[in-house]
């Protein structure tokens, strides 16, 4: 679950994943 963001969205957007649901948000 390591993450990395574009500078333009850092602090405003959050990426996450649900392994059981095979879904990324």
PDBML (XML) file of the C-alpha atoms, coordinates in Angstrom:
<?xml version="1.0" encoding="UTF-8" ?>
<PDBx:datablock datablockName="MODEL"
   xmlns:PDBx="http://pdbml.pdb.org/schema/pdbx-v50.xsd"
   xmlns:xsi="http://www.w3.org/2001/XMLSchema-instance"
   xsi:schemaLocation="http://pdbml.pdb.org/schema/pdbx-v50.xsd pdbx-v50.xsd">
   <PDBx:atom_siteCategory>
      <PDBx:atom_site id="1">
         <PDBx:B_iso_or_equiv>0.00</PDBx:B_iso_or_equiv>
         <PDBx:Cartn_x>0.000</PDBx:Cartn_x>
         <PDBx:Cartn_y>0.000</PDBx:Cartn_y>
         <PDBx:Cartn_z>0.000</PDBx:Cartn_z>
         <PDBx:auth_asym_id>A</PDBx:auth_asym_id>
         <PDBx:auth_atom_id>CA</PDBx:auth_atom_id>
         <PDBx:auth_comp_id>UNK</PDBx:auth_comp_id>
         <PDBx:auth_seq_id>1</PDBx:auth_seq_id>
         <PDBx:group_PDB>ATOM</PDBx:group_PDB>
         <PDBx:label_alt_id xsi:nil="true" />
         <PDBx:label_asym_id>A</PDBx:label_asym_id>
         <PDBx:label_atom_id>CA</PDBx:label_atom_id>
         <PDBx:label_comp_id>UNK</PDBx:label_comp_id>
         <PDBx:label_entity_id>1</PDBx:label_entity_id>
         <PDBx:label_seq_id>1</PDBx:label_seq_id>
         <PDBx:occupancy>1.00</PDBx:occupancy>
         <PDBx:pdbx_PDB_model_num>1</PDBx:pdbx_PDB_model_num>
         <PDBx:type_symbol>C</PDBx:type_symbol>
      </PDBx:atom_site>
      <PDBx:atom_site id="2">
         <PDBx:B_iso_or_equiv>0.00</PDBx:B_iso_or_equiv>
         <PDBx:Cartn_x>2.870</PDBx:Cartn_x>
         <PDBx:Cartn_y>2.381</PDBx:Cartn_y>
         <PDBx:Cartn_z>-0.602</PDBx:Cartn_z>
         <PDBx:auth_asym_id>A</PDBx:auth_asym_id>
         <PDBx:auth_atom_id>CA</PDBx:auth_atom_id>
         <PDBx:auth_comp_id>UNK</PDBx:auth_comp_id>
         <PDBx:auth_seq_id>2</PDBx:auth_seq_id>
         <PDBx:group_PDB>ATOM</PDBx:group_PDB>
         <PDBx:label_alt_id xsi:nil="true" />
         <PDBx:label_asym_id>A</PDBx:label_asym_id>
         <PDBx:label_atom_id>CA</PDBx:label_atom_id>
         <PDBx:label_comp_id>UNK</PDBx:label_comp_id>
         <PDBx:label_entity_id>1</PDBx:label_entity_id>
         <PDBx:label_seq_id>2</PDBx:label_seq_id>
         <PDBx:occupancy>1.00</PDBx:occupancy>
         <PDBx:pdbx_PDB_model_num>1</PDBx:pdbx_PDB_model_num>
         <PDBx:type_symbol>C</PDBx:type_symbol>
      </PDBx:atom_site>
      <PDBx:atom_site id="3">
         <PDBx:B_iso_or_equiv>0.00</PDBx:B_iso_or_equiv>
         <PDBx:Cartn_x>1.603</PDBx:Cartn_x>
         <PDBx:Cartn_y>5.541</PDBx:Cartn_y>
         <PDBx:Cartn_z>-2.303</PDBx:Cartn_z>
         <PDBx:auth_asym_id>A</PDBx:auth_asym_id>
         <PDBx:auth_atom_id>CA</PDBx:auth_atom_id>
         <PDBx:auth_comp_id>UNK</PDBx:auth_comp_id>
         <PDBx:auth_seq_id>3</PDBx:auth_seq_id>
         <PDBx:group_PDB>ATOM</PDBx:group_PDB>
         <PDBx:label_alt_id xsi:nil="true" />
         <PDBx:label_asym_id>A</PDBx:label_asym_id>
         <PDBx:label_atom_id>CA</PDBx:label_atom_id>
         <PDBx:label_comp_id>UNK</PDBx:label_comp_id>
         <PDBx:label_entity_id>1</PDBx:label_entity_id>
         <PDBx:label_seq_id>3</PDBx:label_seq_id>
         <PDBx:occupancy>1.00</PDBx:occupancy>
         <PDBx:pdbx_PDB_model_num>1</PDBx:pdbx_PDB_model_num>
         <PDBx:type_symbol>C</PDBx:type_symbol>
      </PDBx:atom_site>
      <PDBx:atom_site id="4">
         <PDBx:B_iso_or_equiv>0.00</PDBx:B_iso_or_equiv>
         <PDBx:Cartn_x>2.906</PDBx:Cartn_x>
         <PDBx:Cartn_y>8.426</PDBx:Cartn_y>
         <PDBx:Cartn_z>-4.382</PDBx:Cartn_z>
         <PDBx:auth_asym_id>A</PDBx:auth_asym_id>
         <PDBx:auth_atom_id>CA</PDBx:auth_atom_id>
         <PDBx:auth_comp_id>UNK</PDBx:auth_comp_id>
         <PDBx:auth_seq_id>4</PDBx:auth_seq_id>
         <PDBx:group_PDB>ATOM</PDBx:group_PDB>
         <PDBx:label_alt_id xsi:nil="true" />
         <PDBx:label_asym_id>A</PDBx:label_asym_id>
         <PDBx:label_atom_id>CA</PDBx:label_atom_id>
         <PDBx:label_comp_id>UNK</PDBx:label_comp_id>
         <PDBx:label_entity_id>1</PDBx:label_entity_id>
         <PDBx:label_seq_id>4</PDBx:label_seq_id>
         <PDBx:occupancy>1.00</PDBx:occupancy>
         <PDBx:pdbx_PDB_model_num>1</PDBx:pdbx_PDB_model_num>
         <PDBx:type_symbol>C</PDBx:type_symbol>
      </PDBx:atom_site>
      <PDBx:atom_site id="5">
         <PDBx:B_iso_or_equiv>0.00</PDBx:B_iso_or_equiv>
         <PDBx:Cartn_x>1.128</PDBx:Cartn_x>
         <PDBx:Cartn_y>11.544</PDBx:Cartn_y>
         <PDBx:Cartn_z>-5.621</PDBx:Cartn_z>
         <PDBx:auth_asym_id>A</PDBx:auth_asym_id>
         <PDBx:auth_atom_id>CA</PDBx:auth_atom_id>
         <PDBx:auth_comp_id>UNK</PDBx:auth_comp_id>
         <PDBx:auth_seq_id>5</PDBx:auth_seq_id>
         <PDBx:group_PDB>ATOM</PDBx:group_PDB>
         <PDBx:label_alt_id xsi:nil="true" />
         <PDBx:label_asym_id>A</PDBx:label_asym_id>
         <PDBx:label_atom_id>CA</PDBx:label_atom_id>
         <PDBx:label_comp_id>UNK</PDBx:label_comp_id>
         <PDBx:label_entity_id>1</PDBx:label_entity_id>
         <PDBx:label_seq_id>5</PDBx:label_seq_id>
         <PDBx:occupancy>1.00</PDBx:occupancy>
         <PDBx:pdbx_PDB_model_num>1</PDBx:pdbx_PDB_model_num>
         <PDBx:type_symbol>C</PDBx:type_symbol>
      </PDBx:atom_site>
      <PDBx:atom_site id="6">
         <PDBx:B_iso_or_equiv>0.00</PDBx:B_iso_or_equiv>
         <PDBx:Cartn_x>1.490</PDBx:Cartn_x>
         <PDBx:Cartn_y>14.238</PDBx:Cartn_y>
         <PDBx:Cartn_z>-8.209</PDBx:Cartn_z>
         <PDBx:auth_asym_id>A</PDBx:auth_asym_id>
         <PDBx:auth_atom_id>CA</PDBx:auth_atom_id>
         <PDBx:auth_comp_id>UNK</PDBx:auth_comp_id>
         <PDBx:auth_seq_id>6</PDBx:auth_seq_id>
         <PDBx:group_PDB>ATOM</PDBx:group_PDB>
         <PDBx:label_alt_id xsi:nil="true" />
         <PDBx:label_asym_id>A</PDBx:label_asym_id>
         <PDBx:label_atom_id>CA</PDBx:label_atom_id>
         <PDBx:label_comp_id>UNK</PDBx:label_comp_id>
         <PDBx:label_entity_id>1</PDBx:label_entity_id>
         <PDBx:label_seq_id>6</PDBx:label_seq_id>
         <PDBx:occupancy>1.00</PDBx:occupancy>
         <PDBx:pdbx_PDB_model_num>1</PDBx:pdbx_PDB_model_num>
         <PDBx:type_symbol>C</PDBx:type_symbol>
      </PDBx:atom_site>
      <PDBx:atom_site id="7">
         <PDBx:B_iso_or_equiv>0.00</PDBx:B_iso_or_equiv>
         <PDBx:Cartn_x>2.392</PDBx:Cartn_x>
         <PDBx:Cartn_y>17.551</PDBx:Cartn_y>
         <PDBx:Cartn_z>-6.600</PDBx:Cartn_z>
         <PDBx:auth_asym_id>A</PDBx:auth_asym_id>
         <PDBx:auth_atom_id>CA</PDBx:auth_atom_id>
         <PDBx:auth_comp_id>UNK</PDBx:auth_comp_id>
         <PDBx:auth_seq_id>7</PDBx:auth_seq_id>
         <PDBx:group_PDB>ATOM</PDBx:group_PDB>
         <PDBx:label_alt_id xsi:nil="true" />
         <PDBx:label_asym_id>A</PDBx:label_asym_id>
         <PDBx:label_atom_id>CA</PDBx:label_atom_id>
         <PDBx:label_comp_id>UNK</PDBx:label_comp_id>
         <PDBx:label_entity_id>1</PDBx:label_entity_id>
         <PDBx:label_seq_id>7</PDBx:label_seq_id>
         <PDBx:occupancy>1.00</PDBx:occupancy>
         <PDBx:pdbx_PDB_model_num>1</PDBx:pdbx_PDB_model_num>
         <PDBx:type_symbol>C</PDBx:type_symbol>
      </PDBx:atom_site>
      <PDBx:atom_site id="8">
         <PDBx:B_iso_or_equiv>0.00</PDBx:B_iso_or_equiv>
         <PDBx:Cartn_x>-0.809</PDBx:Cartn_x>
         <PDBx:Cartn_y>19.089</PDBx:Cartn_y>
         <PDBx:Cartn_z>-7.952</PDBx:Cartn_z>
         <PDBx:auth_asym_id>A</PDBx:auth_asym_id>
         <PDBx:auth_atom_id>CA</PDBx:auth_atom_id>
         <PDBx:auth_comp_id>UNK</PDBx:auth_comp_id>
         <PDBx:auth_seq_id>8</PDBx:auth_seq_id>
         <PDBx:group_PDB>ATOM</PDBx:group_PDB>
         <PDBx:label_alt_id xsi:nil="true" />
         <PDBx:label_asym_id>A</PDBx:label_asym_id>
         <PDBx:label_atom_id>CA</PDBx:label_atom_id>
         <PDBx:label_comp_id>UNK</PDBx:label_comp_id>
         <PDBx:label_entity_id>1</PDBx:label_entity_id>
         <PDBx:label_seq_id>8</PDBx:label_seq_id>
         <PDBx:occupancy>1.00</PDBx:occupancy>
         <PDBx:pdbx_PDB_model_num>1</PDBx:pdbx_PDB_model_num>
         <PDBx:type_symbol>C</PDBx:type_symbol>
      </PDBx:atom_site>
      <PDBx:atom_site id="9">
         <PDBx:B_iso_or_equiv>0.00</PDBx:B_iso_or_equiv>
         <PDBx:Cartn_x>-3.012</PDBx:Cartn_x>
         <PDBx:Cartn_y>16.778</PDBx:Cartn_y>
         <PDBx:Cartn_z>-5.846</PDBx:Cartn_z>
         <PDBx:auth_asym_id>A</PDBx:auth_asym_id>
         <PDBx:auth_atom_id>CA</PDBx:auth_atom_id>
         <PDBx:auth_comp_id>UNK</PDBx:auth_comp_id>
         <PDBx:auth_seq_id>9</PDBx:auth_seq_id>
         <PDBx:group_PDB>ATOM</PDBx:group_PDB>
         <PDBx:label_alt_id xsi:nil="true" />
         <PDBx:label_asym_id>A</PDBx:label_asym_id>
         <PDBx:label_atom_id>CA</PDBx:label_atom_id>
         <PDBx:label_comp_id>UNK</PDBx:label_comp_id>
         <PDBx:label_entity_id>1</PDBx:label_entity_id>
         <PDBx:label_seq_id>9</PDBx:label_seq_id>
         <PDBx:occupancy>1.00</PDBx:occupancy>
         <PDBx:pdbx_PDB_model_num>1</PDBx:pdbx_PDB_model_num>
         <PDBx:type_symbol>C</PDBx:type_symbol>
      </PDBx:atom_site>
      <PDBx:atom_site id="10">
         <PDBx:B_iso_or_equiv>0.00</PDBx:B_iso_or_equiv>
         <PDBx:Cartn_x>-0.833</PDBx:Cartn_x>
         <PDBx:Cartn_y>16.109</PDBx:Cartn_y>
         <PDBx:Cartn_z>-2.817</PDBx:Cartn_z>
         <PDBx:auth_asym_id>A</PDBx:auth_asym_id>
         <PDBx:auth_atom_id>CA</PDBx:auth_atom_id>
         <PDBx:auth_comp_id>UNK</PDBx:auth_comp_id>
         <PDBx:auth_seq_id>10</PDBx:auth_seq_id>
         <PDBx:group_PDB>ATOM</PDBx:group_PDB>
         <PDBx:label_alt_id xsi:nil="true" />
         <PDBx:label_asym_id>A</PDBx:label_asym_id>
         <PDBx:label_atom_id>CA</PDBx:label_atom_id>
         <PDBx:label_comp_id>UNK</PDBx:label_comp_id>
         <PDBx:label_entity_id>1</PDBx:label_entity_id>
         <PDBx:label_seq_id>10</PDBx:label_seq_id>
         <PDBx:occupancy>1.00</PDBx:occupancy>
         <PDBx:pdbx_PDB_model_num>1</PDBx:pdbx_PDB_model_num>
         <PDBx:type_symbol>C</PDBx:type_symbol>
      </PDBx:atom_site>
      <PDBx:atom_site id="11">
         <PDBx:B_iso_or_equiv>0.00</PDBx:B_iso_or_equiv>
         <PDBx:Cartn_x>-2.704</PDBx:Cartn_x>
         <PDBx:Cartn_y>16.862</PDBx:Cartn_y>
         <PDBx:Cartn_z>0.389</PDBx:Cartn_z>
         <PDBx:auth_asym_id>A</PDBx:auth_asym_id>
         <PDBx:auth_atom_id>CA</PDBx:auth_atom_id>
         <PDBx:auth_comp_id>UNK</PDBx:auth_comp_id>
         <PDBx:auth_seq_id>11</PDBx:auth_seq_id>
         <PDBx:group_PDB>ATOM</PDBx:group_PDB>
         <PDBx:label_alt_id xsi:nil="true" />
         <PDBx:label_asym_id>A</PDBx:label_asym_id>
         <PDBx:label_atom_id>CA</PDBx:label_atom_id>
         <PDBx:label_comp_id>UNK</PDBx:label_comp_id>
         <PDBx:label_entity_id>1</PDBx:label_entity_id>
         <PDBx:label_seq_id>11</PDBx:label_seq_id>
         <PDBx:occupancy>1.00</PDBx:occupancy>
         <PDBx:pdbx_PDB_model_num>1</PDBx:pdbx_PDB_model_num>
         <PDBx:type_symbol>C</PDBx:type_symbol>
      </PDBx:atom_site>
      <PDBx:atom_site id="12">
         <PDBx:B_iso_or_equiv>0.00</PDBx:B_iso_or_equiv>
         <PDBx:Cartn_x>-6.073</PDBx:Cartn_x>
         <PDBx:Cartn_y>16.890</PDBx:Cartn_y>
         <PDBx:Cartn_z>-1.380</PDBx:Cartn_z>
         <PDBx:auth_asym_id>A</PDBx:auth_asym_id>
         <PDBx:auth_atom_id>CA</PDBx:auth_atom_id>
         <PDBx:auth_comp_id>UNK</PDBx:auth_comp_id>
         <PDBx:auth_seq_id>12</PDBx:auth_seq_id>
         <PDBx:group_PDB>ATOM</PDBx:group_PDB>
         <PDBx:label_alt_id xsi:nil="true" />
         <PDBx:label_asym_id>A</PDBx:label_asym_id>
         <PDBx:label_atom_id>CA</PDBx:label_atom_id>
         <PDBx:label_comp_id>UNK</PDBx:label_comp_id>
         <PDBx:label_entity_id>1</PDBx:label_entity_id>
         <PDBx:label_seq_id>12</PDBx:label_seq_id>
         <PDBx:occupancy>1.00</PDBx:occupancy>
         <PDBx:pdbx_PDB_model_num>1</PDBx:pdbx_PDB_model_num>
         <PDBx:type_symbol>C</PDBx:type_symbol>
      </PDBx:atom_site>
      <PDBx:atom_site id="13">
         <PDBx:B_iso_or_equiv>0.00</PDBx:B_iso_or_equiv>
         <PDBx:Cartn_x>-6.363</PDBx:Cartn_x>
         <PDBx:Cartn_y>13.414</PDBx:Cartn_y>
         <PDBx:Cartn_z>-2.927</PDBx:Cartn_z>
         <PDBx:auth_asym_id>A</PDBx:auth_asym_id>
         <PDBx:auth_atom_id>CA</PDBx:auth_atom_id>
         <PDBx:auth_comp_id>UNK</PDBx:auth_comp_id>
         <PDBx:auth_seq_id>13</PDBx:auth_seq_id>
         <PDBx:group_PDB>ATOM</PDBx:group_PDB>
         <PDBx:label_alt_id xsi:nil="true" />
         <PDBx:label_asym_id>A</PDBx:label_asym_id>
         <PDBx:label_atom_id>CA</PDBx:label_atom_id>
         <PDBx:label_comp_id>UNK</PDBx:label_comp_id>
         <PDBx:label_entity_id>1</PDBx:label_entity_id>
         <PDBx:label_seq_id>13</PDBx:label_seq_id>
         <PDBx:occupancy>1.00</PDBx:occupancy>
         <PDBx:pdbx_PDB_model_num>1</PDBx:pdbx_PDB_model_num>
         <PDBx:type_symbol>C</PDBx:type_symbol>
      </PDBx:atom_site>
      <PDBx:atom_site id="14">
         <PDBx:B_iso_or_equiv>0.00</PDBx:B_iso_or_equiv>
         <PDBx:Cartn_x>-5.923</PDBx:Cartn_x>
         <PDBx:Cartn_y>10.034</PDBx:Cartn_y>
         <PDBx:Cartn_z>-1.249</PDBx:Cartn_z>
         <PDBx:auth_asym_id>A</PDBx:auth_asym_id>
         <PDBx:auth_atom_id>CA</PDBx:auth_atom_id>
         <PDBx:auth_comp_id>UNK</PDBx:auth_comp_id>
         <PDBx:auth_seq_id>14</PDBx:auth_seq_id>
         <PDBx:group_PDB>ATOM</PDBx:group_PDB>
         <PDBx:label_alt_id xsi:nil="true" />
         <PDBx:label_asym_id>A</PDBx:label_asym_id>
         <PDBx:label_atom_id>CA</PDBx:label_atom_id>
         <PDBx:label_comp_id>UNK</PDBx:label_comp_id>
         <PDBx:label_entity_id>1</PDBx:label_entity_id>
         <PDBx:label_seq_id>14</PDBx:label_seq_id>
         <PDBx:occupancy>1.00</PDBx:occupancy>
         <PDBx:pdbx_PDB_model_num>1</PDBx:pdbx_PDB_model_num>
         <PDBx:type_symbol>C</PDBx:type_symbol>
      </PDBx:atom_site>
      <PDBx:atom_site id="15">
         <PDBx:B_iso_or_equiv>0.00</PDBx:B_iso_or_equiv>
         <PDBx:Cartn_x>-5.459</PDBx:Cartn_x>
         <PDBx:Cartn_y>6.717</PDBx:Cartn_y>
         <PDBx:Cartn_z>-3.043</PDBx:Cartn_z>
         <PDBx:auth_asym_id>A</PDBx:auth_asym_id>
         <PDBx:auth_atom_id>CA</PDBx:auth_atom_id>
         <PDBx:auth_comp_id>UNK</PDBx:auth_comp_id>
         <PDBx:auth_seq_id>15</PDBx:auth_seq_id>
         <PDBx:group_PDB>ATOM</PDBx:group_PDB>
         <PDBx:label_alt_id xsi:nil="true" />
         <PDBx:label_asym_id>A</PDBx:label_asym_id>
         <PDBx:label_atom_id>CA</PDBx:label_atom_id>
         <PDBx:label_comp_id>UNK</PDBx:label_comp_id>
         <PDBx:label_entity_id>1</PDBx:label_entity_id>
         <PDBx:label_seq_id>15</PDBx:label_seq_id>
         <PDBx:occupancy>1.00</PDBx:occupancy>
         <PDBx:pdbx_PDB_model_num>1</PDBx:pdbx_PDB_model_num>
         <PDBx:type_symbol>C</PDBx:type_symbol>
      </PDBx:atom_site>
      <PDBx:atom_site id="16">
         <PDBx:B_iso_or_equiv>0.00</PDBx:B_iso_or_equiv>
         <PDBx:Cartn_x>-6.310</PDBx:Cartn_x>
         <PDBx:Cartn_y>3.498</PDBx:Cartn_y>
         <PDBx:Cartn_z>-1.228</PDBx:Cartn_z>
         <PDBx:auth_asym_id>A</PDBx:auth_asym_id>
         <PDBx:auth_atom_id>CA</PDBx:auth_atom_id>
         <PDBx:auth_comp_id>UNK</PDBx:auth_comp_id>
         <PDBx:auth_seq_id>16</PDBx:auth_seq_id>
         <PDBx:group_PDB>ATOM</PDBx:group_PDB>
         <PDBx:label_alt_id xsi:nil="true" />
         <PDBx:label_asym_id>A</PDBx:label_asym_id>
         <PDBx:label_atom_id>CA</PDBx:label_atom_id>
         <PDBx:label_comp_id>UNK</PDBx:label_comp_id>
         <PDBx:label_entity_id>1</PDBx:label_entity_id>
         <PDBx:label_seq_id>16</PDBx:label_seq_id>
         <PDBx:occupancy>1.00</PDBx:occupancy>
         <PDBx:pdbx_PDB_model_num>1</PDBx:pdbx_PDB_model_num>
         <PDBx:type_symbol>C</PDBx:type_symbol>
      </PDBx:atom_site>
      <PDBx:atom_site id="17">
         <PDBx:B_iso_or_equiv>0.00</PDBx:B_iso_or_equiv>
         <PDBx:Cartn_x>-7.131</PDBx:Cartn_x>
         <PDBx:Cartn_y>-0.095</PDBx:Cartn_y>
         <PDBx:Cartn_z>-2.013</PDBx:Cartn_z>
         <PDBx:auth_asym_id>A</PDBx:auth_asym_id>
         <PDBx:auth_atom_id>CA</PDBx:auth_atom_id>
         <PDBx:auth_comp_id>UNK</PDBx:auth_comp_id>
         <PDBx:auth_seq_id>17</PDBx:auth_seq_id>
         <PDBx:group_PDB>ATOM</PDBx:group_PDB>
         <PDBx:label_alt_id xsi:nil="true" />
         <PDBx:label_asym_id>A</PDBx:label_asym_id>
         <PDBx:label_atom_id>CA</PDBx:label_atom_id>
         <PDBx:label_comp_id>UNK</PDBx:label_comp_id>
         <PDBx:label_entity_id>1</PDBx:label_entity_id>
         <PDBx:label_seq_id>17</PDBx:label_seq_id>
         <PDBx:occupancy>1.00</PDBx:occupancy>
         <PDBx:pdbx_PDB_model_num>1</PDBx:pdbx_PDB_model_num>
         <PDBx:type_symbol>C</PDBx:type_symbol>
      </PDBx:atom_site>
      <PDBx:atom_site id="18">
         <PDBx:B_iso_or_equiv>0.00</PDBx:B_iso_or_equiv>
         <PDBx:Cartn_x>-9.364</PDBx:Cartn_x>
         <PDBx:Cartn_y>-2.868</PDBx:Cartn_y>
         <PDBx:Cartn_z>-0.716</PDBx:Cartn_z>
         <PDBx:auth_asym_id>A</PDBx:auth_asym_id>
         <PDBx:auth_atom_id>CA</PDBx:auth_atom_id>
         <PDBx:auth_comp_id>UNK</PDBx:auth_comp_id>
         <PDBx:auth_seq_id>18</PDBx:auth_seq_id>
         <PDBx:group_PDB>ATOM</PDBx:group_PDB>
         <PDBx:label_alt_id xsi:nil="true" />
         <PDBx:label_asym_id>A</PDBx:label_asym_id>
         <PDBx:label_atom_id>CA</PDBx:label_atom_id>
         <PDBx:label_comp_id>UNK</PDBx:label_comp_id>
         <PDBx:label_entity_id>1</PDBx:label_entity_id>
         <PDBx:label_seq_id>18</PDBx:label_seq_id>
         <PDBx:occupancy>1.00</PDBx:occupancy>
         <PDBx:pdbx_PDB_model_num>1</PDBx:pdbx_PDB_model_num>
         <PDBx:type_symbol>C</PDBx:type_symbol>
      </PDBx:atom_site>
      <PDBx:atom_site id="19">
         <PDBx:B_iso_or_equiv>0.00</PDBx:B_iso_or_equiv>
         <PDBx:Cartn_x>-7.647</PDBx:Cartn_x>
         <PDBx:Cartn_y>-6.158</PDBx:Cartn_y>
         <PDBx:Cartn_z>-1.406</PDBx:Cartn_z>
         <PDBx:auth_asym_id>A</PDBx:auth_asym_id>
         <PDBx:auth_atom_id>CA</PDBx:auth_atom_id>
         <PDBx:auth_comp_id>UNK</PDBx:auth_comp_id>
         <PDBx:auth_seq_id>19</PDBx:auth_seq_id>
         <PDBx:group_PDB>ATOM</PDBx:group_PDB>
         <PDBx:label_alt_id xsi:nil="true" />
         <PDBx:label_asym_id>A</PDBx:label_asym_id>
         <PDBx:label_atom_id>CA</PDBx:label_atom_id>
         <PDBx:label_comp_id>UNK</PDBx:label_comp_id>
         <PDBx:label_entity_id>1</PDBx:label_entity_id>
         <PDBx:label_seq_id>19</PDBx:label_seq_id>
         <PDBx:occupancy>1.00</PDBx:occupancy>
         <PDBx:pdbx_PDB_model_num>1</PDBx:pdbx_PDB_model_num>
         <PDBx:type_symbol>C</PDBx:type_symbol>
      </PDBx:atom_site>
      <PDBx:atom_site id="20">
         <PDBx:B_iso_or_equiv>0.00</PDBx:B_iso_or_equiv>
         <PDBx:Cartn_x>-10.723</PDBx:Cartn_x>
         <PDBx:Cartn_y>-8.240</PDBx:Cartn_y>
         <PDBx:Cartn_z>-0.621</PDBx:Cartn_z>
         <PDBx:auth_asym_id>A</PDBx:auth_asym_id>
         <PDBx:auth_atom_id>CA</PDBx:auth_atom_id>
         <PDBx:auth_comp_id>UNK</PDBx:auth_comp_id>
         <PDBx:auth_seq_id>20</PDBx:auth_seq_id>
         <PDBx:group_PDB>ATOM</PDBx:group_PDB>
         <PDBx:label_alt_id xsi:nil="true" />
         <PDBx:label_asym_id>A</PDBx:label_asym_id>
         <PDBx:label_atom_id>CA</PDBx:label_atom_id>
         <PDBx:label_comp_id>UNK</PDBx:label_comp_id>
         <PDBx:label_entity_id>1</PDBx:label_entity_id>
         <PDBx:label_seq_id>20</PDBx:label_seq_id>
         <PDBx:occupancy>1.00</PDBx:occupancy>
         <PDBx:pdbx_PDB_model_num>1</PDBx:pdbx_PDB_model_num>
         <PDBx:type_symbol>C</PDBx:type_symbol>
      </PDBx:atom_site>
      <PDBx:atom_site id="21">
         <PDBx:B_iso_or_equiv>0.00</PDBx:B_iso_or_equiv>
         <PDBx:Cartn_x>-12.786</PDBx:Cartn_x>
         <PDBx:Cartn_y>-6.285</PDBx:Cartn_y>
         <PDBx:Cartn_z>-3.124</PDBx:Cartn_z>
         <PDBx:auth_asym_id>A</PDBx:auth_asym_id>
         <PDBx:auth_atom_id>CA</PDBx:auth_atom_id>
         <PDBx:auth_comp_id>UNK</PDBx:auth_comp_id>
         <PDBx:auth_seq_id>21</PDBx:auth_seq_id>
         <PDBx:group_PDB>ATOM</PDBx:group_PDB>
         <PDBx:label_alt_id xsi:nil="true" />
         <PDBx:label_asym_id>A</PDBx:label_asym_id>
         <PDBx:label_atom_id>CA</PDBx:label_atom_id>
         <PDBx:label_comp_id>UNK</PDBx:label_comp_id>
         <PDBx:label_entity_id>1</PDBx:label_entity_id>
         <PDBx:label_seq_id>21</PDBx:label_seq_id>
         <PDBx:occupancy>1.00</PDBx:occupancy>
         <PDBx:pdbx_PDB_model_num>1</PDBx:pdbx_PDB_model_num>
         <PDBx:type_symbol>C</PDBx:type_symbol>
      </PDBx:atom_site>
      <PDBx:atom_site id="22">
         <PDBx:B_iso_or_equiv>0.00</PDBx:B_iso_or_equiv>
         <PDBx:Cartn_x>-10.030</PDBx:Cartn_x>
         <PDBx:Cartn_y>-5.961</PDBx:Cartn_y>
         <PDBx:Cartn_z>-5.722</PDBx:Cartn_z>
         <PDBx:auth_asym_id>A</PDBx:auth_asym_id>
         <PDBx:auth_atom_id>CA</PDBx:auth_atom_id>
         <PDBx:auth_comp_id>UNK</PDBx:auth_comp_id>
         <PDBx:auth_seq_id>22</PDBx:auth_seq_id>
         <PDBx:group_PDB>ATOM</PDBx:group_PDB>
         <PDBx:label_alt_id xsi:nil="true" />
         <PDBx:label_asym_id>A</PDBx:label_asym_id>
         <PDBx:label_atom_id>CA</PDBx:label_atom_id>
         <PDBx:label_comp_id>UNK</PDBx:label_comp_id>
         <PDBx:label_entity_id>1</PDBx:label_entity_id>
         <PDBx:label_seq_id>22</PDBx:label_seq_id>
         <PDBx:occupancy>1.00</PDBx:occupancy>
         <PDBx:pdbx_PDB_model_num>1</PDBx:pdbx_PDB_model_num>
         <PDBx:type_symbol>C</PDBx:type_symbol>
      </PDBx:atom_site>
      <PDBx:atom_site id="23">
         <PDBx:B_iso_or_equiv>0.00</PDBx:B_iso_or_equiv>
         <PDBx:Cartn_x>-10.822</PDBx:Cartn_x>
         <PDBx:Cartn_y>-2.253</PDBx:Cartn_y>
         <PDBx:Cartn_z>-5.812</PDBx:Cartn_z>
         <PDBx:auth_asym_id>A</PDBx:auth_asym_id>
         <PDBx:auth_atom_id>CA</PDBx:auth_atom_id>
         <PDBx:auth_comp_id>UNK</PDBx:auth_comp_id>
         <PDBx:auth_seq_id>23</PDBx:auth_seq_id>
         <PDBx:group_PDB>ATOM</PDBx:group_PDB>
         <PDBx:label_alt_id xsi:nil="true" />
         <PDBx:label_asym_id>A</PDBx:label_asym_id>
         <PDBx:label_atom_id>CA</PDBx:label_atom_id>
         <PDBx:label_comp_id>UNK</PDBx:label_comp_id>
         <PDBx:label_entity_id>1</PDBx:label_entity_id>
         <PDBx:label_seq_id>23</PDBx:label_seq_id>
         <PDBx:occupancy>1.00</PDBx:occupancy>
         <PDBx:pdbx_PDB_model_num>1</PDBx:pdbx_PDB_model_num>
         <PDBx:type_symbol>C</PDBx:type_symbol>
      </PDBx:atom_site>
      <PDBx:atom_site id="24">
         <PDBx:B_iso_or_equiv>0.00</PDBx:B_iso_or_equiv>
         <PDBx:Cartn_x>-8.752</PDBx:Cartn_x>
         <PDBx:Cartn_y>0.909</PDBx:Cartn_y>
         <PDBx:Cartn_z>-5.735</PDBx:Cartn_z>
         <PDBx:auth_asym_id>A</PDBx:auth_asym_id>
         <PDBx:auth_atom_id>CA</PDBx:auth_atom_id>
         <PDBx:auth_comp_id>UNK</PDBx:auth_comp_id>
         <PDBx:auth_seq_id>24</PDBx:auth_seq_id>
         <PDBx:group_PDB>ATOM</PDBx:group_PDB>
         <PDBx:label_alt_id xsi:nil="true" />
         <PDBx:label_asym_id>A</PDBx:label_asym_id>
         <PDBx:label_atom_id>CA</PDBx:label_atom_id>
         <PDBx:label_comp_id>UNK</PDBx:label_comp_id>
         <PDBx:label_entity_id>1</PDBx:label_entity_id>
         <PDBx:label_seq_id>24</PDBx:label_seq_id>
         <PDBx:occupancy>1.00</PDBx:occupancy>
         <PDBx:pdbx_PDB_model_num>1</PDBx:pdbx_PDB_model_num>
         <PDBx:type_symbol>C</PDBx:type_symbol>
      </PDBx:atom_site>
      <PDBx:atom_site id="25">
         <PDBx:B_iso_or_equiv>0.00</PDBx:B_iso_or_equiv>
         <PDBx:Cartn_x>-10.193</PDBx:Cartn_x>
         <PDBx:Cartn_y>4.243</PDBx:Cartn_y>
         <PDBx:Cartn_z>-4.665</PDBx:Cartn_z>
         <PDBx:auth_asym_id>A</PDBx:auth_asym_id>
         <PDBx:auth_atom_id>CA</PDBx:auth_atom_id>
         <PDBx:auth_comp_id>UNK</PDBx:auth_comp_id>
         <PDBx:auth_seq_id>25</PDBx:auth_seq_id>
         <PDBx:group_PDB>ATOM</PDBx:group_PDB>
         <PDBx:label_alt_id xsi:nil="true" />
         <PDBx:label_asym_id>A</PDBx:label_asym_id>
         <PDBx:label_atom_id>CA</PDBx:label_atom_id>
         <PDBx:label_comp_id>UNK</PDBx:label_comp_id>
         <PDBx:label_entity_id>1</PDBx:label_entity_id>
         <PDBx:label_seq_id>25</PDBx:label_seq_id>
         <PDBx:occupancy>1.00</PDBx:occupancy>
         <PDBx:pdbx_PDB_model_num>1</PDBx:pdbx_PDB_model_num>
         <PDBx:type_symbol>C</PDBx:type_symbol>
      </PDBx:atom_site>
   </PDBx:atom_siteCategory>
</PDBx:datablock>
